[in-house]
Protein backbone atom coordinates (compact mmCIF):
# COMPACT_ATOMS: atom_id res chain seq x y z
CA MET A 1 10.04 -4.19 24.02
CA LYS A 2 11.47 -7.21 25.85
CA THR A 3 14.43 -8.89 24.20
CA PRO A 4 12.74 -12.27 23.43
CA LEU A 5 9.75 -10.54 21.80
CA LEU A 6 12.08 -8.21 19.89
CA ILE A 7 14.05 -11.14 18.47
CA ALA A 8 10.89 -13.14 17.73
CA THR A 9 9.31 -10.24 15.83
CA ALA A 10 12.43 -9.60 13.76
CA CYS A 11 12.82 -13.32 12.99
CA LEU A 12 9.18 -13.74 11.95
CA LEU A 13 9.43 -10.79 9.57
CA ALA A 14 12.65 -12.20 8.14
CA LEU A 15 11.04 -15.60 7.70
CA LEU A 16 7.95 -14.31 5.91
CA SER A 17 9.83 -11.86 3.70
CA THR A 18 12.22 -14.57 2.55
CA VAL A 19 9.37 -17.03 1.96
CA GLY A 20 8.02 -14.64 -0.65
CA ALA A 21 11.37 -14.19 -2.35
CA ALA A 22 12.00 -17.95 -2.45
CA LEU A 23 8.56 -19.02 -3.71
CA PRO A 24 9.34 -18.79 -7.44
CA TYR A 25 12.60 -20.77 -7.27
CA PRO A 26 11.01 -24.21 -7.80
CA ILE A 27 8.20 -22.77 -9.96
CA LEU A 28 10.13 -20.82 -12.59
CA PRO A 29 12.71 -23.34 -13.95
CA PRO A 30 10.13 -25.96 -15.05
CA LEU A 31 7.85 -23.18 -16.30
CA PHE A 32 10.50 -21.61 -18.55
CA ALA A 33 12.13 -24.92 -19.48
CA ALA A 34 8.80 -26.46 -20.56
CA ASP A 35 8.40 -27.69 -24.12
CA ALA A 36 4.87 -26.29 -24.34
CA SER A 37 4.98 -22.60 -25.21
CA ASN A 38 2.81 -19.97 -23.54
CA SER A 39 2.71 -16.21 -23.13
CA LEU A 40 5.16 -16.38 -20.23
CA ASN A 41 7.99 -18.50 -21.61
CA HIS A 42 7.81 -17.20 -25.21
CA PHE A 43 7.11 -13.51 -24.65
CA MET A 44 7.95 -11.53 -27.82
CA GLY A 45 9.58 -14.67 -29.24
CA LEU A 46 12.59 -14.35 -26.89
CA PRO A 47 14.50 -17.49 -25.76
CA PRO A 48 12.92 -19.00 -22.61
CA LYS A 49 16.27 -19.06 -20.77
CA LEU A 50 16.72 -15.34 -21.43
CA LEU A 51 13.21 -14.64 -20.11
CA PHE A 52 14.07 -16.84 -17.11
CA GLY A 53 17.19 -14.77 -16.41
CA ILE A 54 15.21 -11.52 -16.57
CA ALA A 55 12.56 -12.95 -14.26
CA LEU A 56 15.29 -13.91 -11.79
CA SER A 57 16.96 -10.49 -11.91
CA ILE A 58 13.92 -8.24 -11.55
CA ASN A 59 13.08 -9.24 -7.97
CA PRO A 60 16.67 -8.59 -6.79
CA LEU A 61 16.52 -5.21 -8.59
CA GLY A 62 13.59 -4.31 -6.35
CA LEU A 63 15.48 -5.72 -3.37
CA LEU A 64 18.48 -3.59 -4.33
CA LEU A 65 16.48 -0.37 -4.27
CA GLY A 66 14.53 -1.39 -1.19
CA SER A 67 17.67 -2.33 0.74
CA ALA A 68 19.37 0.94 -0.22
CA LEU A 69 16.42 3.04 0.93
CA LEU A 70 14.48 1.22 3.65
CA GLY A 71 17.39 0.99 6.10
CA PRO A 72 18.16 4.75 6.05
CA LEU A 73 14.42 5.55 6.03
CA SER A 74 14.07 3.50 9.22
CA ASP A 75 16.96 5.49 10.76
CA ARG A 76 14.89 8.62 10.11
CA PHE A 77 11.26 7.58 10.65
CA GLY A 78 11.67 4.56 12.96
CA ARG A 79 11.79 0.82 12.47
CA ARG A 80 8.08 0.21 13.18
CA PRO A 81 6.44 2.26 10.39
CA VAL A 82 8.93 1.07 7.78
CA LEU A 83 8.49 -2.60 8.72
CA LEU A 84 4.71 -2.22 8.79
CA SER A 85 4.39 -0.54 5.39
CA SER A 86 6.91 -2.83 3.70
CA ALA A 87 5.14 -5.98 4.93
CA LEU A 88 1.81 -4.77 3.55
CA GLY A 89 3.46 -3.68 0.30
CA ALA A 90 5.05 -7.12 -0.16
CA ALA A 91 1.64 -8.75 0.41
CA LEU A 92 0.22 -6.58 -2.38
CA GLY A 93 3.12 -7.60 -4.63
CA HIS A 94 2.31 -11.30 -4.15
CA ALA A 95 -1.34 -10.66 -4.98
CA ILE A 96 -0.33 -8.96 -8.24
CA THR A 97 2.03 -11.87 -9.02
CA ALA A 98 -0.85 -14.35 -8.67
CA TRP A 99 -2.99 -12.22 -10.97
CA ALA A 100 -0.20 -12.02 -13.56
CA LEU A 101 0.16 -15.81 -13.60
CA LEU A 102 -3.56 -16.22 -14.16
CA LEU A 103 -3.41 -13.81 -17.10
CA GLN A 104 -0.11 -15.31 -18.34
CA SER A 105 1.14 -11.73 -18.61
CA TYR A 106 4.95 -11.62 -18.58
CA PRO A 107 5.15 -7.78 -18.24
CA LEU A 108 2.73 -7.79 -15.27
CA PHE A 109 4.62 -10.70 -13.72
CA ILE A 110 7.88 -8.73 -13.99
CA LEU A 111 6.25 -5.63 -12.47
CA ALA A 112 4.82 -7.69 -9.60
CA ARG A 113 8.17 -9.32 -8.82
CA PHE A 114 9.82 -5.88 -8.81
CA VAL A 115 7.27 -4.42 -6.37
CA THR A 116 7.58 -7.46 -4.12
CA GLY A 117 11.37 -7.19 -4.08
CA LEU A 118 11.22 -3.46 -3.34
CA MET A 119 9.12 -4.10 -0.25
CA GLU A 120 11.10 -7.18 0.84
CA GLY A 121 14.22 -5.04 1.07
CA ASN A 122 13.34 -4.66 4.76
CA ALA A 123 15.94 -7.26 5.82
CA SER A 124 18.29 -4.38 6.64
CA VAL A 125 15.63 -2.88 8.93
CA ALA A 126 15.22 -6.15 10.83
CA ARG A 127 19.01 -6.42 11.27
CA ALA A 128 19.23 -2.78 12.38
CA LEU A 129 16.43 -3.38 14.90
CA LEU A 130 18.52 -6.05 16.62
CA ALA A 131 21.80 -4.13 16.24
CA ASP A 132 20.17 -1.11 17.93
CA ARG A 133 18.95 -2.87 21.02
CA LEU A 134 21.57 -5.57 21.63
CA THR A 135 25.33 -5.64 22.14
CA GLY A 136 28.20 -8.12 22.42
CA ASP A 137 27.50 -11.84 22.40
CA LYS A 138 23.72 -11.23 22.58
CA ARG A 139 23.91 -9.29 19.32
CA VAL A 140 25.95 -12.03 17.62
CA LYS A 141 23.53 -14.70 18.81
CA ALA A 142 20.43 -12.70 17.81
CA LEU A 143 21.81 -11.95 14.36
CA ALA A 144 22.65 -15.63 13.93
CA TRP A 145 19.06 -16.51 14.84
CA LEU A 146 17.85 -13.86 12.39
CA ASN A 147 19.95 -15.49 9.69
CA GLY A 148 18.39 -18.80 10.69
CA ALA A 149 14.97 -17.24 10.09
CA PHE A 150 16.07 -16.05 6.66
CA TYR A 151 17.27 -19.57 5.85
CA ALA A 152 14.01 -21.00 7.18
CA GLY A 153 12.25 -18.75 4.67
CA TRP A 154 14.35 -20.18 1.86
CA LEU A 155 13.27 -23.60 3.11
CA ALA A 156 9.59 -22.78 3.69
CA GLY A 157 9.16 -20.87 0.42
CA PRO A 158 10.12 -23.71 -1.96
CA LEU A 159 8.35 -26.26 0.25
CA LEU A 160 5.21 -24.14 0.24
CA ALA A 161 5.40 -23.91 -3.54
CA GLY A 162 6.03 -27.63 -3.98
CA VAL A 163 3.20 -28.70 -1.64
CA THR A 164 0.51 -26.23 -2.78
CA LEU A 165 1.15 -26.25 -6.55
CA VAL A 166 -1.26 -29.18 -6.84
CA TRP A 167 -4.08 -26.69 -6.11
CA GLY A 168 -2.90 -24.17 -8.69
CA ILE A 169 0.15 -22.12 -9.58
CA THR A 170 -1.21 -18.98 -7.86
CA VAL A 171 -1.98 -20.62 -4.49
CA PRO A 172 1.55 -20.25 -3.00
CA PHE A 173 1.51 -16.51 -3.68
CA TRP A 174 -1.90 -16.00 -2.05
CA ILE A 175 -0.71 -17.86 1.05
CA ALA A 176 2.44 -15.69 1.21
CA ALA A 177 0.32 -12.54 0.89
CA GLY A 178 -1.91 -13.61 3.77
CA ALA A 179 1.07 -14.46 5.97
CA LEU A 180 2.60 -11.01 5.41
CA VAL A 181 -0.66 -9.32 6.38
CA LEU A 182 -0.53 -11.28 9.66
CA ALA A 183 3.11 -10.23 10.13
CA ALA A 184 2.12 -6.58 9.68
CA ALA A 185 -0.53 -7.06 12.36
CA LEU A 186 2.13 -8.46 14.72
CA VAL A 187 4.38 -5.44 14.11
CA MET A 188 1.45 -3.12 14.83
CA MET A 189 0.62 -4.86 18.11
CA SER A 190 4.07 -5.66 19.48
CA MET A 191 6.38 -2.80 18.49
CA PRO A 192 6.09 0.56 20.27
CA THR A 193 5.93 3.81 18.33
CA GLU A 194 9.36 5.46 18.09
CA ALA A 195 10.36 9.09 18.12
CA ARG A 196 11.39 10.34 14.70
CA SER A 197 14.88 11.60 14.09
CA LYS A 198 15.18 15.36 13.48
CA ALA A 199 18.11 14.93 11.10
CA THR A 200 16.00 15.35 7.94
CA THR A 201 12.60 16.72 6.99
CA SER A 202 11.16 14.25 4.45
CA TRP A 203 11.45 10.73 3.08
CA TRP A 204 12.63 12.20 -0.24
CA GLN A 205 15.50 13.96 1.50
CA VAL A 206 16.50 10.65 3.12
CA ALA A 207 16.28 8.83 -0.22
CA ARG A 208 18.34 11.50 -1.93
CA ASP A 209 20.93 12.39 0.70
CA GLN A 210 21.19 9.41 3.05
CA HIS A 211 20.80 6.30 0.95
CA THR A 212 23.02 3.35 1.72
CA LEU A 213 25.38 3.74 -1.24
CA LEU A 214 26.66 7.06 0.15
CA LEU A 215 28.61 4.95 2.65
CA LEU A 216 30.97 4.11 -0.21
CA ARG A 217 32.62 7.49 0.34
CA HIS A 218 34.48 5.85 3.22
CA PRO A 219 37.51 3.70 2.19
CA ALA A 220 36.87 0.88 4.68
CA LEU A 221 33.27 0.54 3.57
CA ARG A 222 34.34 0.58 -0.07
CA SER A 223 36.61 -2.38 0.66
CA LEU A 224 33.75 -4.14 2.42
CA PHE A 225 31.49 -3.49 -0.57
CA VAL A 226 33.95 -4.88 -3.14
CA ILE A 227 34.67 -8.01 -1.07
CA GLN A 228 31.02 -8.62 -0.25
CA LEU A 229 29.99 -8.07 -3.88
CA ALA A 230 32.49 -10.67 -5.12
CA TYR A 231 31.45 -13.17 -2.44
CA THR A 232 27.72 -12.71 -2.98
CA CYS A 233 28.11 -12.91 -6.75
CA GLY A 234 29.36 -16.43 -6.15
CA VAL A 235 26.55 -17.19 -3.70
CA THR A 236 23.82 -15.82 -5.97
CA ALA A 237 25.20 -17.72 -8.97
CA PHE A 238 24.67 -20.83 -6.85
CA TYR A 239 21.21 -19.83 -5.52
CA GLU A 240 19.82 -18.78 -8.89
CA PHE A 241 21.13 -21.58 -11.09
CA TYR A 242 21.37 -24.76 -9.03
CA PRO A 243 17.58 -25.24 -9.63
CA LEU A 244 18.24 -25.09 -13.38
CA TRP A 245 21.12 -27.59 -12.91
CA LEU A 246 18.66 -29.85 -11.10
CA VAL A 247 16.26 -29.67 -14.04
CA GLU A 248 18.95 -30.30 -16.65
CA VAL A 249 21.12 -32.95 -14.95
CA PRO A 250 18.96 -35.18 -12.70
CA GLY A 251 15.69 -34.06 -14.41
CA TYR A 252 13.98 -32.79 -11.24
CA ASP A 253 10.54 -31.14 -11.33
CA ALA A 254 9.28 -28.37 -9.01
CA GLN A 255 8.69 -30.82 -6.14
CA GLY A 256 12.18 -32.30 -6.49
CA ILE A 257 13.76 -28.85 -6.45
CA ALA A 258 11.68 -27.96 -3.39
CA TRP A 259 12.91 -31.00 -1.44
CA MET A 260 16.55 -30.36 -2.34
CA THR A 261 16.15 -26.74 -1.26
CA ALA A 262 14.54 -27.95 1.96
CA ALA A 263 17.58 -30.12 2.72
CA LEU A 264 19.95 -27.22 2.00
CA CYS A 265 18.02 -24.71 4.09
CA GLY A 266 17.44 -27.15 6.92
CA LEU A 267 21.19 -27.60 7.27
CA MET A 268 21.67 -23.82 7.18
CA ILE A 269 19.11 -23.36 9.95
CA VAL A 270 20.87 -25.90 12.18
CA SER A 271 24.27 -24.36 11.37
CA SER A 272 23.01 -20.89 12.31
CA PHE A 273 22.47 -21.94 15.92
CA PHE A 274 26.13 -22.95 16.17
CA ALA A 275 27.39 -19.95 14.15
CA GLY A 276 26.29 -17.51 16.85
CA ARG A 277 28.51 -19.02 19.55
CA PRO A 278 31.49 -16.97 20.83
CA SER A 279 34.90 -17.81 19.38
CA THR A 280 38.49 -16.87 20.17
CA ILE A 281 39.35 -16.80 16.43
CA ALA A 282 39.39 -13.34 14.81
CA PRO A 283 36.11 -12.70 12.94
CA LEU A 284 37.71 -11.83 9.60
CA ARG A 285 39.82 -14.96 9.71
CA ARG A 286 36.72 -17.09 10.27
CA ILE A 287 34.88 -15.24 7.49
CA ARG A 288 37.77 -15.85 5.07
CA TRP A 289 37.87 -19.61 5.57
CA HIS A 290 34.10 -19.97 5.29
CA ALA A 291 34.26 -18.03 2.00
CA TYR A 292 36.84 -20.53 0.71
CA PHE A 293 34.58 -23.46 1.68
CA VAL A 294 31.62 -21.82 -0.10
CA ALA A 295 33.72 -21.40 -3.25
CA GLY A 296 34.71 -25.06 -3.06
CA ALA A 297 31.09 -26.22 -2.81
CA ILE A 298 30.08 -24.16 -5.85
CA ALA A 299 33.04 -25.52 -7.82
CA CYS A 300 32.08 -29.10 -6.91
CA LEU A 301 28.58 -28.49 -8.25
CA ALA A 302 30.00 -27.14 -11.50
CA ILE A 303 32.60 -29.80 -12.24
CA GLY A 304 31.48 -32.83 -10.26
CA ASN A 305 29.27 -35.77 -11.17
CA LEU A 306 25.61 -36.09 -10.22
CA TRP A 307 26.08 -37.31 -6.64
CA LEU A 308 28.94 -34.92 -5.87
CA GLY A 309 26.79 -32.08 -7.18
CA LEU A 310 23.82 -33.05 -5.03
CA ALA A 311 26.06 -33.30 -1.95
CA ALA A 312 27.63 -29.90 -2.75
CA ILE A 313 24.18 -28.26 -2.94
CA ILE A 314 23.30 -29.42 0.57
CA LEU A 315 26.72 -28.95 2.24
CA PHE A 316 27.03 -25.41 0.81
CA GLY A 317 24.70 -24.37 3.63
CA ILE A 318 27.22 -24.89 6.45
CA PRO A 319 29.95 -22.36 5.56
CA ASN A 320 27.46 -19.90 4.10
CA SER A 321 25.44 -19.79 7.32
CA PHE A 322 28.58 -19.17 9.40
CA TYR A 323 29.74 -16.42 7.04
CA ASN A 324 26.38 -14.64 7.18
CA ALA A 325 26.18 -14.87 10.97
CA ILE A 326 29.66 -13.47 11.63
CA LEU A 327 29.89 -10.69 9.04
CA PRO A 328 26.86 -8.52 10.07
CA SER A 329 27.85 -8.64 13.74
CA TRP A 330 31.44 -7.64 12.93
CA CYS A 331 30.15 -4.80 10.71
CA ALA A 332 27.82 -3.61 13.48
CA GLU A 333 30.79 -3.33 15.83
CA GLN A 334 33.14 -1.72 13.30
CA PHE A 335 30.83 0.64 11.40
CA GLY A 336 27.73 1.10 13.57
CA HIS A 337 28.50 4.81 14.07
CA TYR A 338 27.47 5.41 10.44
CA GLY A 339 23.92 4.23 11.31
CA GLN A 340 23.00 0.60 11.80
CA GLY A 341 20.16 0.83 9.28
CA ALA A 342 22.49 2.20 6.61
CA VAL A 343 25.28 -0.32 7.32
CA MET A 344 22.95 -3.31 7.31
CA GLY A 345 21.36 -1.82 4.21
CA LEU A 346 24.75 -1.81 2.49
CA ILE A 347 25.14 -5.55 3.17
CA SER A 348 21.65 -6.27 1.84
CA THR A 349 22.10 -3.94 -1.14
CA THR A 350 25.32 -5.70 -2.11
CA PHE A 351 23.56 -9.06 -2.09
CA CYS A 352 20.76 -7.68 -4.27
CA LEU A 353 23.20 -6.13 -6.73
CA ALA A 354 24.98 -9.48 -6.98
CA ASN A 355 21.63 -11.15 -7.73
CA ILE A 356 21.04 -8.79 -10.65
CA ILE A 357 24.56 -9.10 -12.06
CA MET A 358 24.67 -12.90 -11.93
CA ALA A 359 21.10 -13.34 -13.20
CA LEU A 360 21.90 -11.24 -16.27
CA ILE A 361 25.29 -12.87 -16.89
CA GLY A 362 23.80 -16.29 -16.25
CA SER A 363 20.95 -15.73 -18.71
CA VAL A 364 23.65 -15.53 -21.41
CA LEU A 365 26.09 -18.19 -20.14
CA THR A 366 23.34 -20.78 -19.61
CA LEU A 367 22.58 -20.57 -23.33
CA ILE A 368 25.99 -22.27 -23.69
CA ASP A 369 26.23 -24.36 -20.49
CA THR A 370 24.74 -23.86 -17.01
CA ARG A 371 28.04 -24.96 -15.45
CA LEU A 372 29.78 -21.82 -16.76
CA ILE A 373 27.89 -19.48 -14.45
CA LEU A 374 28.63 -21.80 -11.51
CA LEU A 375 32.35 -21.81 -12.33
CA LEU A 376 32.33 -18.02 -12.50
CA GLY A 377 30.60 -17.89 -9.11
CA ALA A 378 33.19 -20.21 -7.55
CA ALA A 379 36.03 -18.04 -8.89
CA LEU A 380 34.48 -14.82 -7.52
CA SER A 381 33.87 -16.25 -4.04
CA SER A 382 37.41 -17.62 -3.98
CA TRP A 383 38.81 -14.19 -4.88
CA ALA A 384 36.73 -12.62 -2.10
CA ALA A 385 38.23 -15.04 0.43
CA TRP A 386 41.75 -14.20 -0.77
CA ARG A 387 40.99 -10.44 -0.58
CA ILE A 388 39.63 -10.76 2.99
CA GLY A 389 43.04 -12.05 4.13
CA HIS A 390 44.81 -9.01 2.70
CA TRP A 391 42.17 -6.64 4.08
CA GLN A 392 42.65 -8.11 7.55
CA LYS A 393 46.36 -7.25 7.38
CA GLU A 394 45.57 -3.72 6.13
CA LEU A 395 43.14 -3.09 9.00
CA ALA A 396 45.66 -4.40 11.56
CA LEU A 397 48.34 -2.09 10.13
CA GLN A 398 46.01 0.91 10.29
CA ALA A 399 45.05 0.11 13.89
CA GLY A 400 48.75 -0.09 14.82
CA LYS A 401 49.46 3.31 13.30
CA GLN A 402 46.52 4.85 15.16
CA LEU A 403 47.82 3.47 18.47
CA GLU A 404 51.28 4.89 17.79
CA ALA A 405 49.80 8.28 16.93
CA ALA A 406 47.78 8.28 20.15
């Protein structure tokens, strides 16, 4: 496959997968914050905010499992079949979601969001596809463009929801399902069939013996996991609860949330094109400072006034896009020998785990004050930035000792 087509295919899959994950963000807060009760927001008599937190966490739970398994499965069976089957599976998940909303069935809605998340865990496969075929500055640039596609999905998903909700609450999900079917067709036509690895004999053996979390046996990857978990806990606290802040503070509806998300994601897309440029500054040093800026933006949302909060939501996109462009490329260079699918899967899995943790914690803290979960997120991202600085010194010391031993 030629490099431009390779990058275009990976970016389109990233875009459409993220569109599906982002669709509910402007739909759910008004639905669960509504005064009128229905079978969704008063299931079993539970508080609507608690049901909202569960609904937020179930999709990342699917993403967690999908990210842990799909990357290593693609190392074994090839990128093409895993991307093809996951795209079709995500389309089915969106169809079930639409059906659940029509029935106002909370359990079916939760099941549908889980299935969709499981199949949308293919972000690690798309990253591994680019990490396999590209090196050096081309890899950094391609991964930055891939991140731009992910951000475009976060933009397109809420916009799609906001624009099409006038025709019915299920319409955005049917459109997402159709788009994923088209993406699967593109994968089928454009990606060549790959030779399977002979390392294992079955998908179950891969799932059992080669899942992403086994990488935590290695000290360096354990450090990466802890740092990335703290950072992404802060990021997901922001992603999951700034829409609720927008409902509670300025009184935005689904369309207002969609336009704010569009502004945020648009800035992230633009930033991604600059984030992929070569730099003479050490990658970990750049990552650390961007993590500090992200923590500052989340803190401003939590403690600032209305206009400072709105500005913080949009400007958050700049440092976050740089962080997410630099980190995967650095990990590909440092840890690629463990399997690019598994390493990229670890990054995606960590993000999904953070989504679950912060959604569950936030479902409790928001019963008191939505700003509490944002303050916790700012503190965790700030700690991650501080820890990156110490980790950089530890890695430099280890490299020096290895040179002396050689």
